[in-house]
C-alpha atoms as a PDB file:
ATOM      1  CA  MET A   1     154.297 133.708 143.691  1.00  0.00           C
ATOM      2  CA  THR A   2     150.877 134.489 142.598  1.00  0.00           C
ATOM      3  CA  SER A   3     149.243 136.730 139.514  1.00  0.00           C
ATOM      4  CA  LYS A   4     146.446 139.006 139.711  1.00  0.00           C
ATOM      5  CA  VAL A   5     144.493 141.449 137.003  1.00  0.00           C
ATOM      6  CA  LEU A   6     141.678 143.623 137.249  1.00  0.00           C
ATOM      7  CA  THR A   7     139.317 142.230 134.787  1.00  0.00           C
ATOM      8  CA  THR A   8     137.688 144.069 132.176  1.00  0.00           C
ATOM      9  CA  VAL A   9     134.504 143.112 133.835  1.00  0.00           C
ATOM     10  CA  GLY A  10     135.604 144.179 137.097  1.00  0.00           C
ATOM     11  CA  ARG A  11     136.572 147.700 135.896  1.00  0.00           C
ATOM     12  CA  GLU A  12     133.167 148.252 134.108  1.00  0.00           C
ATOM     13  CA  VAL A  13     131.248 147.471 137.157  1.00  0.00           C
ATOM     14  CA  MET A  14     133.672 149.981 139.154  1.00  0.00           C
ATOM     15  CA  ALA A  15     132.684 152.284 135.906  1.00  0.00           C
ATOM     16  CA  GLU A  16     128.758 151.769 136.775  1.00  0.00           C
ATOM     17  CA  ALA A  17     129.220 152.308 140.254  1.00  0.00           C
ATOM     18  CA  PHE A  18     131.032 155.623 139.323  1.00  0.00           C
ATOM     19  CA  SER A  19     128.657 156.748 136.909  1.00  0.00           C
ATOM     20  CA  ALA A  20     125.520 157.103 139.927  1.00  0.00           C
ATOM     21  CA  LEU A  21     127.466 159.505 141.361  1.00  0.00           C
ATOM     22  CA  PRO A  22     126.501 163.000 141.207  1.00  0.00           C
ATOM     23  CA  PHE A  23     129.054 165.282 139.263  1.00  0.00           C
ATOM     24  CA  VAL A  24     130.298 168.636 138.791  1.00  0.00           C
ATOM     25  CA  ALA A  25     132.898 170.547 137.073  1.00  0.00           C
ATOM     26  CA  ALA A  26     135.145 173.099 138.498  1.00  0.00           C
ATOM     27  CA  LEU A  27     136.197 175.933 135.893  1.00  0.00           C
ATOM     28  CA  SER A  28     139.616 177.747 136.946  1.00  0.00           C
ATOM     29  CA  ALA A  29     141.724 180.473 135.527  1.00  0.00           C
ATOM     30  CA  GLY A  30     144.512 178.456 136.463  1.00  0.00           C
ATOM     31  CA  ASP A  31     148.238 179.790 136.440  1.00  0.00           C
ATOM     32  CA  PRO A  32     149.062 182.304 133.982  1.00  0.00           C
ATOM     33  CA  THR A  33     152.438 181.542 134.307  1.00  0.00           C
ATOM     34  CA  TRP A  34     151.387 178.356 132.695  1.00  0.00           C
ATOM     35  CA  ASP A  35     150.670 180.429 129.156  1.00  0.00           C
ATOM     36  CA  PRO A  36     154.389 180.691 127.498  1.00  0.00           C
ATOM     37  CA  LEU A  37     155.199 176.909 128.601  1.00  0.00           C
ATOM     38  CA  TRP A  38     152.207 175.376 126.088  1.00  0.00           C
ATOM     39  CA  THR A  39     154.860 175.444 123.133  1.00  0.00           C
ATOM     40  CA  ASP A  40     158.100 173.583 125.067  1.00  0.00           C
ATOM     41  CA  PRO A  41     158.199 170.097 124.785  1.00  0.00           C
ATOM     42  CA  ASN A  42     157.218 169.630 128.145  1.00  0.00           C
ATOM     43  CA  PRO A  43     153.984 171.559 128.596  1.00  0.00           C
ATOM     44  CA  PRO A  44     152.765 172.275 132.422  1.00  0.00           C
ATOM     45  CA  SER A  45     150.254 168.937 133.899  1.00  0.00           C
ATOM     46  CA  PRO A  46     148.823 168.292 137.015  1.00  0.00           C
ATOM     47  CA  GLY A  47     150.307 166.281 139.425  1.00  0.00           C
ATOM     48  CA  LEU A  48     148.796 163.323 140.684  1.00  0.00           C
ATOM     49  CA  ASP A  49     148.299 164.356 144.467  1.00  0.00           C
ATOM     50  CA  ALA A  50     146.208 167.481 143.081  1.00  0.00           C
ATOM     51  CA  THR A  51     142.821 167.578 145.270  1.00  0.00           C
ATOM     52  CA  ALA A  52     141.289 171.129 143.854  1.00  0.00           C
ATOM     53  CA  VAL A  53     141.671 173.635 141.187  1.00  0.00           C
ATOM     54  CA  ALA A  54     144.018 176.568 141.086  1.00  0.00           C
ATOM     55  CA  ASP A  55     141.775 179.734 140.786  1.00  0.00           C
ATOM     56  CA  LEU A  56     137.893 178.812 140.265  1.00  0.00           C
ATOM     57  CA  ILE A  57     135.847 180.685 138.054  1.00  0.00           C
ATOM     58  CA  GLY A  58     132.626 178.471 138.980  1.00  0.00           C
ATOM     59  CA  TYR A  59     130.706 175.134 138.686  1.00  0.00           C
ATOM     60  CA  VAL A  60     128.783 173.643 136.038  1.00  0.00           C
ATOM     61  CA  ARG A  61     127.160 170.322 136.112  1.00  0.00           C
ATOM     62  CA  PRO A  62     127.692 167.852 133.264  1.00  0.00           C
ATOM     63  CA  THR A  63     125.016 167.555 130.484  1.00  0.00           C
ATOM     64  CA  LEU A  64     125.361 163.834 130.088  1.00  0.00           C
ATOM     65  CA  VAL A  65     127.201 160.972 132.240  1.00  0.00           C
ATOM     66  CA  ASP A  66     127.215 157.368 130.008  1.00  0.00           C
ATOM     67  CA  PHE A  67     129.269 155.286 128.496  1.00  0.00           C
ATOM     68  CA  VAL A  68     131.417 155.001 125.780  1.00  0.00           C
ATOM     69  CA  GLU A  69     133.678 153.100 123.215  1.00  0.00           C
ATOM     70  CA  PRO A  70     136.804 153.598 121.862  1.00  0.00           C
ATOM     71  CA  ASP A  71     136.023 153.715 117.922  1.00  0.00           C
ATOM     72  CA  PRO A  72     138.572 154.978 115.013  1.00  0.00           C
ATOM     73  CA  ALA A  73     134.624 156.008 113.210  1.00  0.00           C
ATOM     74  CA  GLY A  74     133.211 156.803 116.031  1.00  0.00           C
ATOM     75  CA  THR A  75     131.273 160.702 116.133  1.00  0.00           C
ATOM     76  CA  ILE A  76     132.073 161.598 119.967  1.00  0.00           C
ATOM     77  CA  VAL A  77     135.425 163.235 120.011  1.00  0.00           C
ATOM     78  CA  THR A  78     137.524 164.704 122.491  1.00  0.00           C
ATOM     79  CA  GLU A  79     139.798 167.591 122.074  1.00  0.00           C
ATOM     80  CA  GLU A  80     142.804 165.611 122.669  1.00  0.00           C
ATOM     81  CA  GLY A  81     142.036 163.593 119.500  1.00  0.00           C
ATOM     82  CA  GLY A  82     140.197 160.537 120.777  1.00  0.00           C
ATOM     83  CA  THR A  83     137.260 159.719 119.194  1.00  0.00           C
ATOM     84  CA  PHE A  84     134.326 157.497 120.707  1.00  0.00           C
ATOM     85  CA  THR A  85     130.655 155.641 120.181  1.00  0.00           C
ATOM     86  CA  GLY A  86     127.884 155.407 122.616  1.00  0.00           C
ATOM     87  CA  ALA A  87     128.082 151.810 123.906  1.00  0.00           C
ATOM     88  CA  ALA A  88     125.058 149.694 124.133  1.00  0.00           C
ATOM     89  CA  GLY A  89     125.709 149.126 127.906  1.00  0.00           C
ATOM     90  CA  ARG A  90     128.061 149.256 130.676  1.00  0.00           C
ATOM     91  CA  SER A  91     131.820 149.819 129.918  1.00  0.00           C
ATOM     92  CA  ARG A  92     134.889 151.069 131.212  1.00  0.00           C
ATOM     93  CA  TYR A  93     134.839 154.394 129.324  1.00  0.00           C
ATOM     94  CA  LEU A  94     132.806 156.938 131.179  1.00  0.00           C
ATOM     95  CA  ARG A  95     131.952 160.003 129.142  1.00  0.00           C
ATOM     96  CA  VAL A  96     131.076 163.278 131.169  1.00  0.00           C
ATOM     97  CA  ARG A  97     129.833 165.819 128.808  1.00  0.00           C
ATOM     98  CA  LEU A  98     129.708 169.481 129.738  1.00  0.00           C
ATOM     99  CA  SER A  99     127.760 172.073 127.966  1.00  0.00           C
ATOM    100  CA  ILE A 100     128.264 175.934 128.830  1.00  0.00           C
ATOM    101  CA  PRO A 101     125.524 178.046 127.279  1.00  0.00           C
ATOM    102  CA  ALA A 102     127.135 181.673 125.605  1.00  0.00           C
ATOM    103  CA  GLY A 103     127.218 184.398 128.062  1.00  0.00           C
ATOM    104  CA  ALA A 104     127.551 181.752 131.454  1.00  0.00           C
ATOM    105  CA  PHE A 105     131.385 182.904 132.374  1.00  0.00           C
ATOM    106  CA  PRO A 106     131.754 186.127 130.654  1.00  0.00           C
ATOM    107  CA  ASP A 107     135.468 187.718 129.711  1.00  0.00           C
ATOM    108  CA  VAL A 108     137.675 185.009 131.475  1.00  0.00           C
ATOM    109  CA  TYR A 109     140.282 182.567 130.805  1.00  0.00           C
ATOM    110  CA  VAL A 110     139.615 179.074 131.624  1.00  0.00           C
ATOM    111  CA  ARG A 111     143.173 176.809 132.070  1.00  0.00           C
ATOM    112  CA  GLU A 112     142.095 174.391 134.314  1.00  0.00           C
ATOM    113  CA  ILE A 113     139.021 171.962 134.467  1.00  0.00           C
ATOM    114  CA  GLY A 114     138.925 169.469 137.371  1.00  0.00           C
ATOM    115  CA  ILE A 115     135.736 167.077 137.244  1.00  0.00           C
ATOM    116  CA  LEU A 116     134.608 166.453 140.911  1.00  0.00           C
ATOM    117  CA  ALA A 117     132.582 163.693 142.297  1.00  0.00           C
ATOM    118  CA  ASN A 118     130.602 163.537 145.041  1.00  0.00           C
ATOM    119  CA  PRO A 119     129.646 167.418 145.700  1.00  0.00           C
ATOM    120  CA  ALA A 120     127.171 168.791 147.946  1.00  0.00           C
ATOM    121  CA  PHE A 121     124.836 171.243 146.704  1.00  0.00           C
ATOM    122  CA  ILE A 122     122.500 173.888 148.941  1.00  0.00           C
ATOM    123  CA  GLU A 123     118.908 171.874 149.571  1.00  0.00           C
ATOM    124  CA  GLY A 124     116.393 172.692 147.277  1.00  0.00           C
ATOM    125  CA  LEU A 125     119.206 173.414 144.035  1.00  0.00           C
ATOM    126  CA  ALA A 126     116.794 172.787 140.954  1.00  0.00           C
ATOM    127  CA  PRO A 127     118.101 169.510 139.681  1.00  0.00           C
ATOM    128  CA  GLY A 128     118.107 170.996 136.007  1.00  0.00           C
ATOM    129  CA  LYS A 129     120.253 173.857 137.155  1.00  0.00           C
ATOM    130  CA  THR A 130     123.396 173.494 134.536  1.00  0.00           C
ATOM    131  CA  VAL A 131     125.694 176.717 135.686  1.00  0.00           C
ATOM    132  CA  LEU A 132     125.794 176.764 139.501  1.00  0.00           C
ATOM    133  CA  ASP A 133     125.954 180.179 141.404  1.00  0.00           C
ATOM    134  CA  PRO A 134     129.061 180.325 143.712  1.00  0.00           C
ATOM    135  CA  GLY A 135     126.729 179.401 146.902  1.00  0.00           C
ATOM    136  CA  ASP A 136     125.293 176.655 145.181  1.00  0.00           C
ATOM    137  CA  VAL A 137     128.066 174.476 145.768  1.00  0.00           C
ATOM    138  CA  THR A 138     128.308 173.829 149.563  1.00  0.00           C
ATOM    139  CA  ALA A 139     131.272 171.410 148.981  1.00  0.00           C
ATOM    140  CA  ALA A 140     132.919 170.797 145.613  1.00  0.00           C
ATOM    141  CA  GLY A 141     133.725 166.929 146.266  1.00  0.00           C
ATOM    142  CA  ASP A 142     136.903 164.662 145.351  1.00  0.00           C
ATOM    143  CA  LEU A 143     138.891 165.498 142.058  1.00  0.00           C
ATOM    144  CA  VAL A 144     138.558 162.845 140.077  1.00  0.00           C
ATOM    145  CA  HIS A 145     139.976 164.219 136.630  1.00  0.00           C
ATOM    146  CA  LEU A 146     141.933 167.400 135.833  1.00  0.00           C
ATOM    147  CA  LEU A 147     142.617 169.091 132.474  1.00  0.00           C
ATOM    148  CA  TRP A 148     145.286 171.921 132.245  1.00  0.00           C
ATOM    149  CA  SER A 149     144.995 173.437 128.595  1.00  0.00           C
ATOM    150  CA  PRO A 150     146.167 176.867 126.769  1.00  0.00           C
ATOM    151  CA  PRO A 151     144.026 179.718 127.687  1.00  0.00           C
ATOM    152  CA  GLN A 152     140.658 179.621 126.439  1.00  0.00           C
ATOM    153  CA  PHE A 153     139.080 182.973 126.718  1.00  0.00           C
ATOM    154  CA  LEU A 154     135.075 182.653 127.239  1.00  0.00           C
ATOM    155  CA  ASN A 155     133.023 186.065 126.324  1.00  0.00           C
ATOM    156  CA  ALA A 156     129.351 186.862 126.409  1.00  0.00           C
ATOM    157  CA  GLY A 157     129.221 185.157 122.994  1.00  0.00           C
ATOM    158  CA  THR A 158     131.033 181.889 123.430  1.00  0.00           C
ATOM    159  CA  ALA A 159     129.637 178.491 124.421  1.00  0.00           C
ATOM    160  CA  TYR A 160     131.559 175.575 125.521  1.00  0.00           C
ATOM    161  CA  ALA A 161     131.183 172.045 124.951  1.00  0.00           C
ATOM    162  CA  ARG A 162     133.861 169.098 126.298  1.00  0.00           C
ATOM    163  CA  ASN A 163     133.697 165.574 126.393  1.00  0.00           C
ATOM    164  CA  PHE A 164     136.116 164.008 129.185  1.00  0.00           C
ATOM    165  CA  ILE A 165     136.424 160.297 128.874  1.00  0.00           C
ATOM    166  CA  LEU A 166     137.147 158.907 132.467  1.00  0.00           C
ATOM    167  CA  LYS A 167     138.531 155.257 131.649  1.00  0.00           C
ATOM    168  CA  VAL A 168     138.551 152.987 134.738  1.00  0.00           C
END
């Protein structure tokens, strides 16, 4: 009989390697049939075998990818209620922050957001371009995190920001 464990340092190394990858977020209209189910004891949730979003609206590059640590007094807050603070060095918690300016996706309902690693972009895409045109992404990449939520309406005056915490 043997015993094994993936150490905390091993997880930090994996998160560090992961942090070096390019990321993109896919915003999706999801499935409107999910809407009345959000009040159920078991609301809809994605499967572990998911590889893409259901109904793509558009892509956004993260504005920040960095390491964080859980902290009850932290100022980095997730919509799920988690609180974090920036880590002094690498950690096993990787934050991917989206900041979508007002008017980027007017008059849409967002029910699903996928975080994808290793996307491919058109040649010559400006490195600072955050909101991407559909033709800017030639391959979406590997879906590593998927969020389903009640519909959030974005209109011309709506900016949207969200922290996604990827725990390795």
